[in-house]
Protein backbone atom coordinates (compact mmCIF):
# COMPACT_ATOMS: atom_id res chain seq x y z
CA MET A 1 -10.16 -11.04 -15.11
CA GLN A 2 -8.36 -13.83 -14.58
CA GLN A 3 -4.90 -14.54 -14.94
CA GLN A 4 -4.08 -16.88 -18.06
CA ASN A 5 -0.78 -18.00 -18.46
CA VAL A 6 1.18 -14.92 -17.79
CA THR A 7 5.37 -14.88 -17.47
CA GLY A 8 8.34 -12.71 -17.08
CA LEU A 9 7.80 -9.14 -15.92
CA GLU A 10 6.63 -7.18 -19.21
CA GLY A 11 3.61 -9.79 -19.32
CA TRP A 12 2.53 -8.80 -15.66
CA ILE A 13 2.97 -4.91 -16.56
CA ASP A 14 0.84 -5.99 -19.76
CA PHE A 15 -2.14 -7.92 -18.14
CA LEU A 16 -2.05 -5.61 -14.29
CA THR A 17 -2.26 -2.98 -16.94
CA ARG A 18 -5.35 -4.47 -18.56
CA ALA A 19 -7.08 -5.79 -15.26
CA ASP A 20 -9.77 -4.53 -13.56
CA ILE A 21 -8.44 -3.82 -9.78
CA PRO A 22 -10.60 -5.56 -7.49
CA VAL A 23 -11.62 -3.73 -3.51
CA LEU A 24 -12.43 -4.67 -0.47
CA LYS A 25 -15.63 -5.58 0.06
CA GLN A 26 -15.56 -3.48 2.94
CA THR A 27 -14.61 -0.59 0.79
CA GLU A 28 -17.68 -1.16 -1.10
CA ARG A 29 -20.24 -1.17 1.94
CA ASP A 30 -18.44 1.98 3.28
CA LEU A 31 -19.21 4.12 0.02
CA ALA A 32 -22.46 2.69 -0.37
CA ALA A 33 -23.34 4.08 2.76
CA LEU A 34 -21.98 7.36 2.53
CA HIS A 35 -23.55 7.14 -1.21
CA GLN A 36 -26.74 6.47 0.30
CA ASP A 37 -26.61 9.68 3.03
CA GLN A 38 -26.76 12.46 0.89
CA ASN A 39 -26.18 14.81 4.32
CA LYS A 40 -22.82 13.09 4.38
CA LEU A 41 -20.97 12.50 1.47
CA SER A 42 -18.33 14.98 1.05
CA ALA A 43 -15.41 14.88 -0.57
CA ARG A 44 -13.41 14.52 2.76
CA GLY A 45 -15.47 11.31 3.93
CA VAL A 46 -14.92 9.68 0.65
CA ALA A 47 -11.52 10.58 0.77
CA GLN A 48 -11.42 8.88 4.20
CA THR A 49 -13.10 5.42 2.80
CA ILE A 50 -10.58 5.04 0.03
CA THR A 51 -7.43 6.08 1.36
CA VAL A 52 -7.66 2.55 4.46
CA ASP A 53 -7.93 0.88 0.65
CA PRO A 54 -4.73 0.13 -1.46
CA MET A 55 -6.61 -0.56 -4.62
CA MET A 56 -9.28 1.42 -4.42
CA THR A 57 -6.89 4.46 -4.32
CA VAL A 58 -5.02 3.47 -6.92
CA LYS A 59 -8.13 2.97 -8.94
CA LEU A 60 -9.12 6.84 -8.72
CA LEU A 61 -5.57 8.32 -9.38
CA ARG A 62 -5.34 5.90 -12.40
CA TYR A 63 -8.42 6.75 -13.35
CA LEU A 64 -8.15 10.46 -12.70
CA GLN A 65 -4.32 10.65 -14.65
CA GLN A 66 -6.16 8.59 -17.87
CA HIS A 67 -8.24 11.35 -18.42
CA LYS A 68 -6.70 14.22 -17.45
CA HIS A 69 -7.55 17.83 -19.11
CA ARG A 70 -4.72 18.95 -21.54
CA SER A 71 -5.73 22.13 -20.11
CA GLN A 72 -4.48 20.52 -16.42
CA THR A 73 -0.24 21.88 -15.84
CA HIS A 74 -0.21 19.90 -12.46
CA GLU A 75 -0.31 16.36 -10.56
CA VAL A 76 -2.81 15.17 -8.25
CA ALA A 77 -1.69 12.80 -6.45
CA LEU A 78 -3.99 13.02 -3.50
CA VAL A 79 -7.31 11.61 -2.88
CA GLU A 80 -10.00 14.54 -1.52
CA GLN A 81 -7.97 16.97 -4.25
CA ALA A 82 -8.76 14.53 -7.17
CA LEU A 83 -12.09 13.54 -5.79
CA ILE A 84 -12.70 17.65 -5.87
CA MET A 85 -11.00 17.41 -9.75
CA LEU A 86 -13.93 14.47 -11.15
CA GLY A 87 -16.71 15.44 -9.37
CA VAL A 88 -17.94 12.95 -5.97
CA GLU A 89 -20.70 11.67 -8.02
CA ALA A 90 -19.23 11.38 -10.75
CA PHE A 91 -16.65 9.17 -8.65
CA PHE A 92 -19.19 7.02 -7.75
CA GLN A 93 -20.00 6.67 -11.79
CA LYS A 94 -16.96 6.09 -13.19
CA ILE A 95 -15.11 4.28 -10.66
CA PRO A 96 -17.40 1.62 -9.05
CA ALA A 97 -16.27 -0.56 -5.78
CA GLN A 98 -15.64 -4.02 -8.05
CA PRO A 99 -14.71 -6.20 -8.78
CA LEU A 100 -14.12 -7.73 -4.64
CA VAL A 101 -11.28 -8.91 -3.66
CA GLN A 102 -13.78 -11.81 -1.80
CA ASN A 103 -15.01 -12.55 -5.93
CA VAL A 104 -11.53 -12.43 -7.38
CA LEU A 105 -9.96 -15.06 -4.32
CA LYS A 106 -13.08 -17.17 -4.12
CA GLY A 107 -12.20 -20.87 -2.67
CA GLN A 108 -8.95 -19.71 -1.62
CA MET A 109 -9.17 -18.56 1.96
CA ASP A 110 -5.25 -18.57 2.42
CA ALA A 111 -4.62 -16.59 -0.14
CA LEU A 112 -7.20 -14.09 0.45
CA VAL A 113 -6.12 -13.78 4.15
CA HIS A 114 -2.66 -13.15 3.30
CA LEU A 115 -3.32 -10.35 0.72
CA LEU A 116 -5.25 -9.14 4.01
CA HIS A 117 -2.09 -8.77 5.96
CA ARG A 118 -0.81 -6.90 3.02
CA VAL A 119 -3.74 -4.38 3.08
CA HIS A 120 -3.74 -4.21 6.41
CA ARG A 121 0.12 -3.44 6.38
CA ALA A 122 0.17 -0.77 3.73
CA HIS A 123 -2.66 1.35 5.89
CA ARG A 124 -0.34 0.81 9.12
CA ALA A 125 2.45 2.08 6.99
CA SER A 126 0.00 4.95 5.72
CA GLU A 127 -0.23 6.23 9.19
CA TYR A 128 3.08 5.70 10.07
CA ALA A 129 4.41 7.88 7.60
CA TYR A 130 2.15 10.72 8.34
CA ASP A 131 2.23 10.80 11.88
CA TRP A 132 6.25 11.44 11.38
CA ALA A 133 5.07 13.67 8.10
CA VAL A 134 3.14 16.16 10.87
CA ARG A 135 6.05 15.40 13.84
CA LEU A 136 8.32 16.64 11.15
CA SER A 137 6.35 19.79 10.00
CA ASP A 138 5.87 18.77 6.56
CA LEU A 139 2.98 20.49 5.05
CA HIS A 140 2.10 18.01 2.17
CA TYR A 141 1.96 15.15 4.78
CA GLU A 142 -0.99 13.67 2.25
CA GLU A 143 1.58 13.03 0.23
CA VAL A 144 3.83 11.21 1.85
CA ARG A 145 0.92 9.20 3.28
CA ILE A 146 0.00 7.98 -0.31
CA ALA A 147 3.38 7.13 -1.12
CA ALA A 148 3.25 4.97 2.40
CA LEU A 149 0.13 3.39 1.51
CA LEU A 150 0.89 2.42 -2.25
CA HIS A 151 4.79 1.47 -1.73
CA ASP A 152 4.24 -2.29 -2.03
CA LEU A 153 0.66 -1.93 -4.27
CA ALA A 154 2.87 -4.45 -6.94
CA GLU A 155 3.27 -7.31 -4.20
CA ILE A 156 -0.88 -6.68 -3.28
CA LEU A 157 -2.34 -7.58 -7.03
CA MET A 158 0.08 -10.70 -7.31
CA TRP A 159 -1.79 -12.06 -4.07
CA CYS A 160 -5.25 -11.18 -5.85
CA PHE A 161 -4.16 -12.37 -9.45
CA SER A 162 -1.31 -15.05 -9.23
CA PRO A 163 -2.34 -16.21 -5.36
CA GLN A 164 -0.64 -19.58 -6.38
CA ASP A 165 2.78 -18.33 -6.92
CA MET A 166 2.60 -15.68 -3.91
CA MET A 167 1.88 -18.68 -1.37
CA LYS A 168 4.90 -20.18 -2.96
CA ILE A 169 7.41 -17.73 -2.13
CA TRP A 170 5.51 -17.43 1.47
CA SER A 171 6.28 -20.80 2.15
CA ILE A 172 9.59 -20.25 0.77
CA GLN A 173 10.46 -18.32 3.23
CA HIS A 174 8.44 -18.97 5.68
CA GLN A 175 10.67 -22.11 5.67
CA ASP A 176 14.20 -19.98 5.45
CA ARG A 177 13.74 -16.88 6.60
CA THR A 178 17.93 -15.89 5.83
CA LEU A 179 16.34 -15.71 2.39
CA ARG A 180 16.43 -12.49 0.87
CA SER A 181 12.85 -11.56 -1.00
CA ARG A 182 14.22 -10.37 -3.85
CA THR A 183 16.27 -13.60 -4.18
CA VAL A 184 12.79 -16.03 -4.17
CA GLN A 185 10.38 -13.47 -6.11
CA GLU A 186 13.08 -13.68 -8.78
CA GLN A 187 13.23 -17.69 -8.03
CA VAL A 188 9.81 -18.15 -8.51
CA LEU A 189 7.83 -15.66 -10.73
CA GLY A 190 11.03 -14.78 -12.47
CA PHE A 191 11.52 -11.00 -11.43
CA ALA A 192 11.46 -8.45 -8.24
CA LEU A 193 8.21 -7.29 -7.49
CA ALA A 194 10.18 -4.37 -6.61
CA ASP A 195 10.99 -4.22 -9.73
CA LEU A 196 7.44 -5.11 -11.08
CA GLN A 197 5.97 -2.41 -8.77
CA LYS A 198 8.54 0.76 -10.41
CA ALA A 199 7.52 -0.20 -13.77
CA LEU A 200 3.40 -0.32 -13.13
CA VAL A 201 3.88 3.60 -11.17
CA GLN A 202 5.45 4.24 -14.67
CA LYS A 203 3.66 2.27 -17.33
CA TRP A 204 0.45 3.86 -15.22
CA ASP A 205 1.19 7.92 -15.72
CA LEU A 206 1.14 7.80 -11.91
CA PRO A 207 1.99 11.69 -10.88
CA GLU A 208 6.00 12.06 -10.38
CA LEU A 209 5.82 12.40 -7.02
CA LEU A 210 4.44 9.59 -5.62
CA LEU A 211 7.11 7.38 -8.13
CA THR A 212 10.11 9.71 -6.64
CA LEU A 213 8.76 9.35 -2.32
CA MET A 214 7.43 5.46 -3.40
CA ASP A 215 11.12 4.84 -4.93
CA ASP A 216 13.91 3.04 -1.72
CA GLU A 217 16.61 4.70 -4.13
CA ASN A 218 16.19 8.21 -2.67
CA ALA A 219 15.94 6.86 0.25
CA GLN A 220 18.60 9.79 1.39
CA LYS A 221 16.24 12.17 0.80
CA PRO A 222 13.71 12.78 4.02
CA ARG A 223 10.46 12.32 2.90
CA VAL A 224 11.88 9.47 0.92
CA ARG A 225 13.05 8.19 4.24
CA ASN A 226 10.36 8.83 6.38
CA VAL A 227 7.90 6.51 3.34
CA LEU A 228 10.66 3.55 3.93
CA LEU A 229 11.21 3.86 6.97
CA ALA A 230 7.38 3.72 8.10
CA VAL A 231 7.05 0.71 5.39
CA ASN A 232 9.87 -0.80 7.09
CA LEU A 233 8.50 -0.84 10.40
CA ALA A 234 5.20 -1.97 9.67
CA ARG A 235 6.78 -4.83 7.68
CA HIS A 236 8.94 -6.04 10.48
CA SER A 237 5.86 -5.35 13.20
CA ALA A 238 3.46 -7.57 10.70
CA ASN A 239 5.73 -10.11 12.47
CA GLY A 240 5.46 -9.02 16.25
CA TRP A 241 6.94 -6.77 18.20
CA ASP A 242 10.31 -9.19 18.89
CA ASP A 243 11.41 -9.64 15.34
CA ALA A 244 15.08 -9.31 14.66
CA ALA A 245 15.22 -6.46 12.98
CA LEU A 246 12.93 -3.97 14.47
CA PRO A 247 15.44 -2.26 16.95
CA ASP A 248 17.20 -0.97 13.73
CA ASP A 249 13.97 0.20 12.66
CA TYR A 250 13.41 1.91 16.32
CA LYS A 251 16.69 3.87 16.01
CA GLU A 252 16.36 4.60 12.25
CA ILE A 253 13.29 6.33 13.06
CA GLY A 254 15.06 8.09 15.97
CA GLU A 255 17.46 9.71 13.43
CA LEU A 256 15.03 10.78 11.33
CA LEU A 257 12.69 12.39 13.82
CA ARG A 258 15.50 13.40 16.45
CA MET A 259 14.57 11.27 19.13
CA PRO A 260 15.76 8.19 21.22
CA ALA A 261 15.05 4.94 20.23
CA GLU A 262 13.36 3.93 23.39
CA GLN A 263 11.15 7.10 23.08
CA VAL A 264 10.47 5.30 18.96
CA MET A 265 9.30 2.14 21.13
CA VAL A 266 6.70 4.11 23.24
CA MET A 267 5.75 6.17 20.42
CA VAL A 268 4.33 2.76 18.15
CA GLY A 269 3.15 1.08 21.24
CA ALA A 270 6.09 -1.71 20.75
CA ASP A 271 6.40 -1.60 24.95
CA ALA A 272 3.31 -2.75 25.05
CA GLY A 273 3.70 -4.81 22.50
CA ILE A 274 6.22 -7.08 23.85
CA VAL A 275 4.83 -7.26 27.18
CA CYS A 276 1.95 -8.69 25.69
CA ASP A 277 3.96 -10.60 23.84
CA LEU A 278 5.80 -12.11 26.30
CA GLY A 279 2.07 -12.62 28.09
CA LYS A 280 1.31 -15.33 25.11
CA PRO A 281 1.35 -19.11 26.25
CA HIS A 282 3.71 -20.82 23.80
């Protein structure tokens, strides 16, 4: 399903709700390998493969929400739990790992590279959030991980379905890094990606818990703050460990985890990253 003159926030909500969300080629390969080896096939193994890919993750959660039984009284926000409820074999039959982003963006290599970077960044954010939740003795660390993984889902989807607009946004911001992301997005798209994100997760009836954890307006809550800081660190460090926003990130993460900023730098590998950056030829 290709974009055809989709405009405005409501237009994109409708389009993305009807679109078949693509997944990574690596996800398709890894799931196929698991499916062929029945001895290794388990809900946990399949979940570990799915949660590397935010698009495959949301395909599964959406499917479960759309097909939940009337008797189901609680929401499912965890991938492994969703697989157990659905059944691993039913997952392979009903939620195929298709289409592939590499086919959707065929001939648009620049956009594909940006998309893959965004997906990698989302996965890094999920790992940071998971690690910090464990350090904070949050027994529901998997929920925090999934919220961080899906925090920027709207941006990832727009790279899939509106690559030219997203390249335009990237180009404008690359030329003037002082511009606010929301301003440029509204200028090019007519709306901000954060607004699209919030509208999508509500429209798709994703678990209320994820809505809360992914909503930056709830940043005063420790679990939401964990997600937000993990997303920020992944975003800023993707620009290099010398990014100007990182010192504030270390300070805020230190406040969350009750440790000095210098210790945060060691924990996330920033000190080694800075040494590597300084060693690069200019």
